[in-house]
Amino acid sequence: MTENIPPTPENEGRQPKKSKLLLIGTPKQVRDTINALYSLKYAYPYEWSTPEPTEKPGEVMTTLVRYFYLD
């Protein structure tokens, strides 16, 4: 799985690109999507923020921030 890895001598001086993912839905929809992304080896479930309620009753949102080095 790709994890957010701090700079090392191999990528020193390179600037990582920041990517933010936002999931909004019912708690079940959000949990199912996080698990689906985990099954695709995109992100571990613990990397997502704690689901927070939105203004809409029964809806939550969670975020994931990833850093990528692009050539």
N, C-alpha and C. Protein backbone atom coordinates (compact mmCIF):
# COMPACT_ATOMS: atom_id res chain seq x y z
N MET A 1 0.83 -1.18 0.00
CA MET A 1 0.00 0.00 0.00
C MET A 1 0.87 1.24 0.00
N THR A 2 0.38 2.26 -0.64
CA THR A 2 1.13 3.51 -0.64
C THR A 2 0.79 4.27 0.62
N GLU A 3 1.80 4.53 1.41
CA GLU A 3 1.60 5.32 2.61
C GLU A 3 2.29 6.66 2.44
N ASN A 4 1.86 7.62 3.23
CA ASN A 4 2.52 8.91 3.22
C ASN A 4 3.89 8.73 3.85
N ILE A 5 4.93 8.91 3.06
CA ILE A 5 6.30 8.66 3.51
C ILE A 5 7.05 9.99 3.54
N PRO A 6 7.75 10.27 4.64
CA PRO A 6 8.50 11.52 4.72
C PRO A 6 9.65 11.55 3.72
N PRO A 7 10.18 12.74 3.44
CA PRO A 7 11.30 12.84 2.50
C PRO A 7 12.49 11.99 2.95
N THR A 8 13.18 11.44 1.98
CA THR A 8 14.37 10.64 2.22
C THR A 8 15.48 11.18 1.32
N PRO A 9 16.71 10.70 1.48
CA PRO A 9 17.79 11.17 0.59
C PRO A 9 17.46 10.94 -0.89
N GLU A 10 16.66 9.91 -1.19
CA GLU A 10 16.34 9.64 -2.60
C GLU A 10 15.41 10.69 -3.21
N ASN A 11 14.54 11.30 -2.39
CA ASN A 11 13.62 12.28 -2.94
C ASN A 11 13.88 13.69 -2.39
N GLU A 12 15.06 13.89 -1.83
CA GLU A 12 15.42 15.19 -1.26
C GLU A 12 15.34 16.27 -2.33
N GLY A 13 14.75 17.39 -1.98
CA GLY A 13 14.63 18.50 -2.91
C GLY A 13 13.39 18.44 -3.79
N ARG A 14 12.76 17.30 -3.86
CA ARG A 14 11.53 17.17 -4.65
C ARG A 14 10.35 17.62 -3.79
N GLN A 15 9.40 18.26 -4.42
CA GLN A 15 8.23 18.74 -3.71
C GLN A 15 7.06 17.76 -3.91
N PRO A 16 6.51 17.22 -2.83
CA PRO A 16 5.38 16.32 -2.99
C PRO A 16 4.12 17.09 -3.38
N LYS A 17 3.25 16.43 -4.10
CA LYS A 17 1.96 17.00 -4.47
C LYS A 17 0.94 16.52 -3.45
N LYS A 18 0.10 17.43 -3.01
CA LYS A 18 -0.89 17.12 -1.98
C LYS A 18 -2.23 16.81 -2.65
N SER A 19 -2.87 15.75 -2.19
CA SER A 19 -4.17 15.36 -2.70
C SER A 19 -5.11 15.16 -1.51
N LYS A 20 -6.29 15.77 -1.57
CA LYS A 20 -7.27 15.63 -0.49
C LYS A 20 -8.50 14.90 -1.02
N LEU A 21 -8.92 13.89 -0.31
CA LEU A 21 -10.14 13.17 -0.66
C LEU A 21 -11.17 13.43 0.42
N LEU A 22 -12.40 13.65 0.02
CA LEU A 22 -13.49 13.94 0.94
C LEU A 22 -14.62 12.98 0.65
N LEU A 23 -15.06 12.25 1.66
CA LEU A 23 -16.20 11.36 1.53
C LEU A 23 -17.35 11.94 2.33
N ILE A 24 -18.53 11.99 1.72
CA ILE A 24 -19.73 12.48 2.39
C ILE A 24 -20.84 11.49 2.12
N GLY A 25 -21.54 11.08 3.15
CA GLY A 25 -22.66 10.16 3.00
C GLY A 25 -23.13 9.68 4.35
N THR A 26 -23.98 8.67 4.34
CA THR A 26 -24.41 8.08 5.61
C THR A 26 -23.20 7.40 6.23
N PRO A 27 -23.22 7.17 7.53
CA PRO A 27 -22.09 6.47 8.15
C PRO A 27 -21.78 5.14 7.47
N LYS A 28 -22.81 4.39 7.08
CA LYS A 28 -22.59 3.11 6.41
C LYS A 28 -21.95 3.30 5.04
N GLN A 29 -22.42 4.27 4.26
CA GLN A 29 -21.84 4.53 2.94
C GLN A 29 -20.37 4.91 3.07
N VAL A 30 -20.06 5.77 4.02
CA VAL A 30 -18.68 6.21 4.21
C VAL A 30 -17.80 5.04 4.63
N ARG A 31 -18.27 4.25 5.60
CA ARG A 31 -17.52 3.09 6.07
C ARG A 31 -17.30 2.08 4.94
N ASP A 32 -18.36 1.82 4.14
CA ASP A 32 -18.24 0.87 3.02
C ASP A 32 -17.25 1.37 1.98
N THR A 33 -17.24 2.67 1.70
CA THR A 33 -16.31 3.22 0.72
C THR A 33 -14.88 3.15 1.23
N ILE A 34 -14.67 3.45 2.49
CA ILE A 34 -13.33 3.33 3.08
C ILE A 34 -12.84 1.90 2.98
N ASN A 35 -13.71 0.94 3.28
CA ASN A 35 -13.33 -0.47 3.18
C ASN A 35 -13.06 -0.89 1.74
N ALA A 36 -13.84 -0.35 0.79
CA ALA A 36 -13.61 -0.66 -0.63
C ALA A 36 -12.25 -0.12 -1.08
N LEU A 37 -11.92 1.10 -0.67
CA LEU A 37 -10.62 1.67 -1.03
C LEU A 37 -9.48 0.90 -0.38
N TYR A 38 -9.72 0.39 0.82
CA TYR A 38 -8.72 -0.45 1.48
C TYR A 38 -8.53 -1.76 0.72
N SER A 39 -9.62 -2.35 0.24
CA SER A 39 -9.50 -3.61 -0.51
C SER A 39 -8.75 -3.41 -1.83
N LEU A 40 -8.78 -2.18 -2.35
CA LEU A 40 -8.03 -1.85 -3.56
C LEU A 40 -6.59 -1.42 -3.23
N LYS A 41 -6.23 -1.50 -1.95
CA LYS A 41 -4.90 -1.13 -1.47
C LYS A 41 -4.57 0.34 -1.69
N TYR A 42 -5.60 1.18 -1.57
CA TYR A 42 -5.38 2.62 -1.74
C TYR A 42 -5.00 3.28 -0.42
N ALA A 43 -5.73 2.94 0.66
CA ALA A 43 -5.45 3.57 1.96
C ALA A 43 -5.96 2.67 3.08
N TYR A 44 -5.22 2.67 4.17
CA TYR A 44 -5.67 1.95 5.35
C TYR A 44 -6.84 2.71 5.99
N PRO A 45 -7.79 2.00 6.57
CA PRO A 45 -8.92 2.69 7.21
C PRO A 45 -8.50 3.69 8.29
N TYR A 46 -7.42 3.40 9.02
CA TYR A 46 -7.00 4.31 10.09
C TYR A 46 -6.43 5.63 9.57
N GLU A 47 -6.15 5.72 8.27
CA GLU A 47 -5.59 6.95 7.71
C GLU A 47 -6.66 8.03 7.51
N TRP A 48 -7.92 7.65 7.52
CA TRP A 48 -9.02 8.60 7.34
C TRP A 48 -9.29 9.34 8.65
N SER A 49 -9.77 10.56 8.54
CA SER A 49 -10.14 11.30 9.75
C SER A 49 -11.39 10.66 10.36
N THR A 50 -11.63 11.00 11.61
CA THR A 50 -12.84 10.52 12.28
C THR A 50 -14.05 11.14 11.59
N PRO A 51 -15.06 10.34 11.24
CA PRO A 51 -16.25 10.91 10.60
C PRO A 51 -16.91 11.97 11.49
N GLU A 52 -17.21 13.09 10.88
CA GLU A 52 -17.86 14.21 11.58
C GLU A 52 -19.23 14.45 10.97
N PRO A 53 -20.22 14.80 11.79
CA PRO A 53 -21.55 15.07 11.24
C PRO A 53 -21.55 16.32 10.37
N THR A 54 -22.39 16.32 9.35
CA THR A 54 -22.58 17.50 8.51
C THR A 54 -23.86 18.21 8.97
N GLU A 55 -24.24 19.25 8.24
CA GLU A 55 -25.48 19.96 8.58
C GLU A 55 -26.71 19.10 8.30
N LYS A 56 -26.56 18.12 7.42
CA LYS A 56 -27.69 17.27 7.05
C LYS A 56 -27.79 16.10 8.05
N PRO A 57 -28.94 15.91 8.67
CA PRO A 57 -29.08 14.80 9.63
C PRO A 57 -28.79 13.45 8.98
N GLY A 58 -28.07 12.61 9.69
CA GLY A 58 -27.75 11.27 9.20
C GLY A 58 -26.61 11.22 8.21
N GLU A 59 -25.91 12.34 8.03
CA GLU A 59 -24.81 12.41 7.07
C GLU A 59 -23.52 12.75 7.81
N VAL A 60 -22.41 12.12 7.38
CA VAL A 60 -21.10 12.41 7.95
C VAL A 60 -20.11 12.67 6.82
N MET A 61 -18.97 13.24 7.21
CA MET A 61 -17.89 13.43 6.23
C MET A 61 -16.57 13.05 6.88
N THR A 62 -15.65 12.61 6.05
CA THR A 62 -14.31 12.24 6.50
C THR A 62 -13.33 12.61 5.39
N THR A 63 -12.08 12.83 5.76
CA THR A 63 -11.08 13.23 4.77
C THR A 63 -9.84 12.35 4.86
N LEU A 64 -9.12 12.35 3.76
CA LEU A 64 -7.83 11.67 3.68
C LEU A 64 -6.90 12.59 2.90
N VAL A 65 -5.73 12.82 3.43
CA VAL A 65 -4.72 13.64 2.73
C VAL A 65 -3.58 12.72 2.35
N ARG A 66 -3.21 12.75 1.08
CA ARG A 66 -2.10 11.94 0.58
C ARG A 66 -1.08 12.86 -0.07
N TYR A 67 0.17 12.45 -0.01
CA TYR A 67 1.26 13.17 -0.67
C TYR A 67 1.91 12.23 -1.66
N PHE A 68 2.08 12.73 -2.88
CA PHE A 68 2.66 11.92 -3.95
C PHE A 68 3.86 12.65 -4.54
N TYR A 69 4.85 11.89 -4.91
CA TYR A 69 5.98 12.44 -5.66
C TYR A 69 5.75 12.08 -7.12
N LEU A 70 5.65 13.09 -7.96
CA LEU A 70 5.44 12.88 -9.38
C LEU A 70 6.72 13.19 -10.14
N ASP A 71 7.00 12.40 -11.13
CA ASP A 71 8.20 12.65 -11.95
C ASP A 71 7.90 13.61 -13.06
